[in-house]
Structures are given as structure tokens and as C-alpha cells.
C-alpha atoms as a PDB file:
ATOM      1  CA  UNK A   1      82.551  26.496 -28.467  1.00  0.00           C
ATOM      2  CA  UNK A   2      79.263  28.202 -29.524  1.00  0.00           C
ATOM      3  CA  UNK A   3      77.129  28.474 -32.618  1.00  0.00           C
ATOM      4  CA  UNK A   4      75.438  31.806 -33.130  1.00  0.00           C
ATOM      5  CA  UNK A   5      72.533  31.780 -35.507  1.00  0.00           C
ATOM      6  CA  UNK A   6      71.061  35.257 -36.383  1.00  0.00           C
ATOM      7  CA  UNK A   7      68.034  35.994 -38.510  1.00  0.00           C
ATOM      8  CA  UNK A   8      68.323  39.571 -39.951  1.00  0.00           C
ATOM      9  CA  UNK A   9      66.878  41.763 -42.572  1.00  0.00           C
ATOM     10  CA  UNK A  10      68.601  41.257 -45.928  1.00  0.00           C
ATOM     11  CA  UNK A  11      69.718  44.916 -46.350  1.00  0.00           C
ATOM     12  CA  UNK A  12      71.665  44.702 -43.027  1.00  0.00           C
ATOM     13  CA  UNK A  13      73.816  41.782 -44.199  1.00  0.00           C
ATOM     14  CA  UNK A  14      76.861  43.875 -45.229  1.00  0.00           C
ATOM     15  CA  UNK A  15      76.755  46.018 -42.068  1.00  0.00           C
ATOM     16  CA  UNK A  16      76.702  42.794 -39.916  1.00  0.00           C
ATOM     17  CA  UNK A  17      79.435  41.147 -41.921  1.00  0.00           C
ATOM     18  CA  UNK A  18      81.534  44.259 -41.468  1.00  0.00           C
ATOM     19  CA  UNK A  19      80.879  44.476 -37.759  1.00  0.00           C
ATOM     20  CA  UNK A  20      81.797  40.865 -37.240  1.00  0.00           C
ATOM     21  CA  UNK A  21      84.936  41.295 -39.168  1.00  0.00           C
ATOM     22  CA  UNK A  22      86.000  44.099 -36.845  1.00  0.00           C
ATOM     23  CA  UNK A  23      85.630  41.881 -33.802  1.00  0.00           C
ATOM     24  CA  UNK A  24      87.836  39.121 -35.493  1.00  0.00           C
ATOM     25  CA  UNK A  25      85.271  36.719 -36.996  1.00  0.00           C
ATOM     26  CA  UNK A  26      86.754  35.170 -40.069  1.00  0.00           C
ATOM     27  CA  UNK A  27      84.003  32.851 -41.240  1.00  0.00           C
ATOM     28  CA  UNK A  28      80.177  33.250 -41.684  1.00  0.00           C
ATOM     29  CA  UNK A  29      77.588  31.237 -43.583  1.00  0.00           C
ATOM     30  CA  UNK A  30      74.739  33.208 -44.926  1.00  0.00           C
ATOM     31  CA  UNK A  31      71.489  31.717 -46.260  1.00  0.00           C
ATOM     32  CA  UNK A  32      68.564  33.367 -47.812  1.00  0.00           C
ATOM     33  CA  UNK A  33      65.474  32.294 -45.911  1.00  0.00           C
ATOM     34  CA  UNK A  34      61.809  33.288 -45.507  1.00  0.00           C
ATOM     35  CA  UNK A  35      59.780  33.549 -42.292  1.00  0.00           C
ATOM     36  CA  UNK A  36      57.564  35.534 -40.098  1.00  0.00           C
ATOM     37  CA  UNK A  37      57.158  36.399 -36.480  1.00  0.00           C
ATOM     38  CA  UNK A  38      55.169  39.110 -34.807  1.00  0.00           C
ATOM     39  CA  UNK A  39      55.474  41.074 -38.092  1.00  0.00           C
ATOM     40  CA  UNK A  40      53.106  38.524 -39.752  1.00  0.00           C
ATOM     41  CA  UNK A  41      53.890  39.621 -43.180  1.00  0.00           C
ATOM     42  CA  UNK A  42      52.468  42.600 -45.024  1.00  0.00           C
ATOM     43  CA  UNK A  43      50.261  43.473 -48.045  1.00  0.00           C
ATOM     44  CA  UNK A  44      51.610  44.545 -51.438  1.00  0.00           C
ATOM     45  CA  UNK A  45      49.988  46.061 -54.541  1.00  0.00           C
ATOM     46  CA  UNK A  46      50.782  44.376 -57.897  1.00  0.00           C
ATOM     47  CA  UNK A  47      49.032  45.560 -61.127  1.00  0.00           C
ATOM     48  CA  UNK A  48      46.197  47.064 -59.126  1.00  0.00           C
ATOM     49  CA  UNK A  49      45.562  43.917 -57.062  1.00  0.00           C
ATOM     50  CA  UNK A  50      46.343  43.733 -53.358  1.00  0.00           C
ATOM     51  CA  UNK A  51      47.907  40.521 -52.089  1.00  0.00           C
ATOM     52  CA  UNK A  52      49.269  39.406 -48.754  1.00  0.00           C
ATOM     53  CA  UNK A  53      52.871  38.355 -48.365  1.00  0.00           C
ATOM     54  CA  UNK A  54      53.005  36.106 -45.262  1.00  0.00           C
ATOM     55  CA  UNK A  55      56.625  34.901 -45.505  1.00  0.00           C
ATOM     56  CA  UNK A  56      59.152  37.740 -45.562  1.00  0.00           C
ATOM     57  CA  UNK A  57      62.675  37.457 -46.947  1.00  0.00           C
ATOM     58  CA  UNK A  58      65.376  37.279 -44.271  1.00  0.00           C
ATOM     59  CA  UNK A  59      68.972  36.266 -44.046  1.00  0.00           C
ATOM     60  CA  UNK A  60      70.141  33.547 -41.710  1.00  0.00           C
ATOM     61  CA  UNK A  61      73.788  33.725 -40.432  1.00  0.00           C
ATOM     62  CA  UNK A  62      75.494  30.780 -38.873  1.00  0.00           C
ATOM     63  CA  UNK A  63      78.746  31.570 -36.995  1.00  0.00           C
ATOM     64  CA  UNK A  64      80.903  29.058 -35.085  1.00  0.00           C
ATOM     65  CA  UNK A  65      82.965  30.831 -32.436  1.00  0.00           C
ATOM     66  CA  UNK A  66      85.067  30.255 -29.283  1.00  0.00           C
ATOM     67  CA  UNK A  67      82.941  30.710 -26.245  1.00  0.00           C
ATOM     68  CA  UNK A  68      85.106  33.616 -25.188  1.00  0.00           C
ATOM     69  CA  UNK A  69      83.948  35.691 -28.313  1.00  0.00           C
ATOM     70  CA  UNK A  70      80.190  35.266 -27.572  1.00  0.00           C
ATOM     71  CA  UNK A  71      79.522  38.612 -25.980  1.00  0.00           C
ATOM     72  CA  UNK A  72      81.463  40.569 -28.661  1.00  0.00           C
ATOM     73  CA  UNK A  73      79.659  38.728 -31.461  1.00  0.00           C
ATOM     74  CA  UNK A  74      76.161  39.167 -30.064  1.00  0.00           C
ATOM     75  CA  UNK A  75      76.845  42.784 -29.357  1.00  0.00           C
ATOM     76  CA  UNK A  76      78.259  43.431 -32.913  1.00  0.00           C
ATOM     77  CA  UNK A  77      75.248  41.748 -34.538  1.00  0.00           C
ATOM     78  CA  UNK A  78      72.732  43.739 -32.410  1.00  0.00           C
ATOM     79  CA  UNK A  79      74.347  47.036 -33.037  1.00  0.00           C
ATOM     80  CA  UNK A  80      74.756  46.587 -36.788  1.00  0.00           C
ATOM     81  CA  UNK A  81      71.380  44.857 -37.506  1.00  0.00           C
ATOM     82  CA  UNK A  82      69.117  47.096 -35.371  1.00  0.00           C
ATOM     83  CA  UNK A  83      66.729  49.432 -37.143  1.00  0.00           C
ATOM     84  CA  UNK A  84      64.312  49.856 -34.200  1.00  0.00           C
ATOM     85  CA  UNK A  85      61.430  48.615 -36.399  1.00  0.00           C
ATOM     86  CA  UNK A  86      59.545  45.382 -36.136  1.00  0.00           C
ATOM     87  CA  UNK A  87      61.168  42.465 -37.846  1.00  0.00           C
ATOM     88  CA  UNK A  88      64.808  43.267 -36.975  1.00  0.00           C
ATOM     89  CA  UNK A  89      65.334  39.465 -36.276  1.00  0.00           C
ATOM     90  CA  UNK A  90      66.611  37.150 -33.606  1.00  0.00           C
ATOM     91  CA  UNK A  91      69.790  35.670 -32.327  1.00  0.00           C
ATOM     92  CA  UNK A  92      70.045  32.068 -31.126  1.00  0.00           C
ATOM     93  CA  UNK A  93      73.060  30.631 -29.253  1.00  0.00           C
ATOM     94  CA  UNK A  94      73.727  26.861 -29.000  1.00  0.00           C
ATOM     95  CA  UNK A  95      76.557  24.874 -27.719  1.00  0.00           C
ATOM     96  CA  UNK A  96      78.855  23.086 -30.248  1.00  0.00           C
ATOM     97  CA  UNK A  97      80.097  19.662 -29.105  1.00  0.00           C
ATOM     98  CA  UNK A  98      82.744  19.283 -31.780  1.00  0.00           C
ATOM     99  CA  UNK A  99      84.032  20.923 -34.931  1.00  0.00           C
ATOM    100  CA  UNK A 100      86.220  19.275 -37.653  1.00  0.00           C
ATOM    101  CA  UNK A 101      88.142  20.980 -40.416  1.00  0.00           C
ATOM    102  CA  UNK A 102      87.897  18.636 -43.373  1.00  0.00           C
ATOM    103  CA  UNK A 103      91.031  19.692 -45.191  1.00  0.00           C
ATOM    104  CA  UNK A 104      93.448  19.308 -42.311  1.00  0.00           C
ATOM    105  CA  UNK A 105      91.701  17.060 -39.856  1.00  0.00           C
ATOM    106  CA  UNK A 106      91.952  19.653 -37.105  1.00  0.00           C
ATOM    107  CA  UNK A 107      89.275  19.530 -34.366  1.00  0.00           C
ATOM    108  CA  UNK A 108      87.873  21.729 -31.698  1.00  0.00           C
ATOM    109  CA  UNK A 109      89.059  25.345 -31.449  1.00  0.00           C
ATOM    110  CA  UNK A 110      91.766  24.830 -33.896  1.00  0.00           C
ATOM    111  CA  UNK A 111      89.225  23.945 -36.593  1.00  0.00           C
ATOM    112  CA  UNK A 112      87.498  27.298 -36.093  1.00  0.00           C
END
């Protein structure tokens, strides 16, 4: 089992959700987060004053999947989240030792 964590631009969330649904992913956790990388923020103008925004709004997706689905999931996220501009995001893949479904007590792949 794998956990895929993707950091994407907020306006790409619906595109990514739809792409993941098409490859059979049934559950996603999305969180609104802020951060920066190479983009290092930007400057904005508000009431004539310029100010620097260092932490940019992003969406963090957490997806628990069977290891067999990994390539499809990563490909779907990349294709649907890519804008070819700086700040498109990152994908992190980690191993999941165990998963439990609270309602039924199922474990492992059955809990996914």
C-alpha cells in the first residue's frame, strides 16, 4: 500500500479529482495549505501599497492506494495539475504499513 501526497494549485483541484476518479480512485482528502518553494511568493498591490506574499495558497491531497495503482495515480495527477508554470507542485509517495477502516474493522487493502 502507498500514500500519495500531492501539493497542487487550488484552481486545479477539480481537474485532478476528475482525473483520479477516471482511474478508479474513490477517496481523497484535500486540505487548504500555504507554502513556497522556488516560486518564493510574489508581490501584490493593495490600496496603492505593494506588499510581498511569501506563503502561497496550495491544496494538499492525501490518497491511500494499492501499490498496483501508483503509476496510474501519479500520471493522472501530473497530467491534470500541470500548467507548465512555476509552482505547479510536487508529489510525494510513501509506504503505508497498515490501514484500518473504523466502521467495519477491515484492515489492509480491504480497508482502502
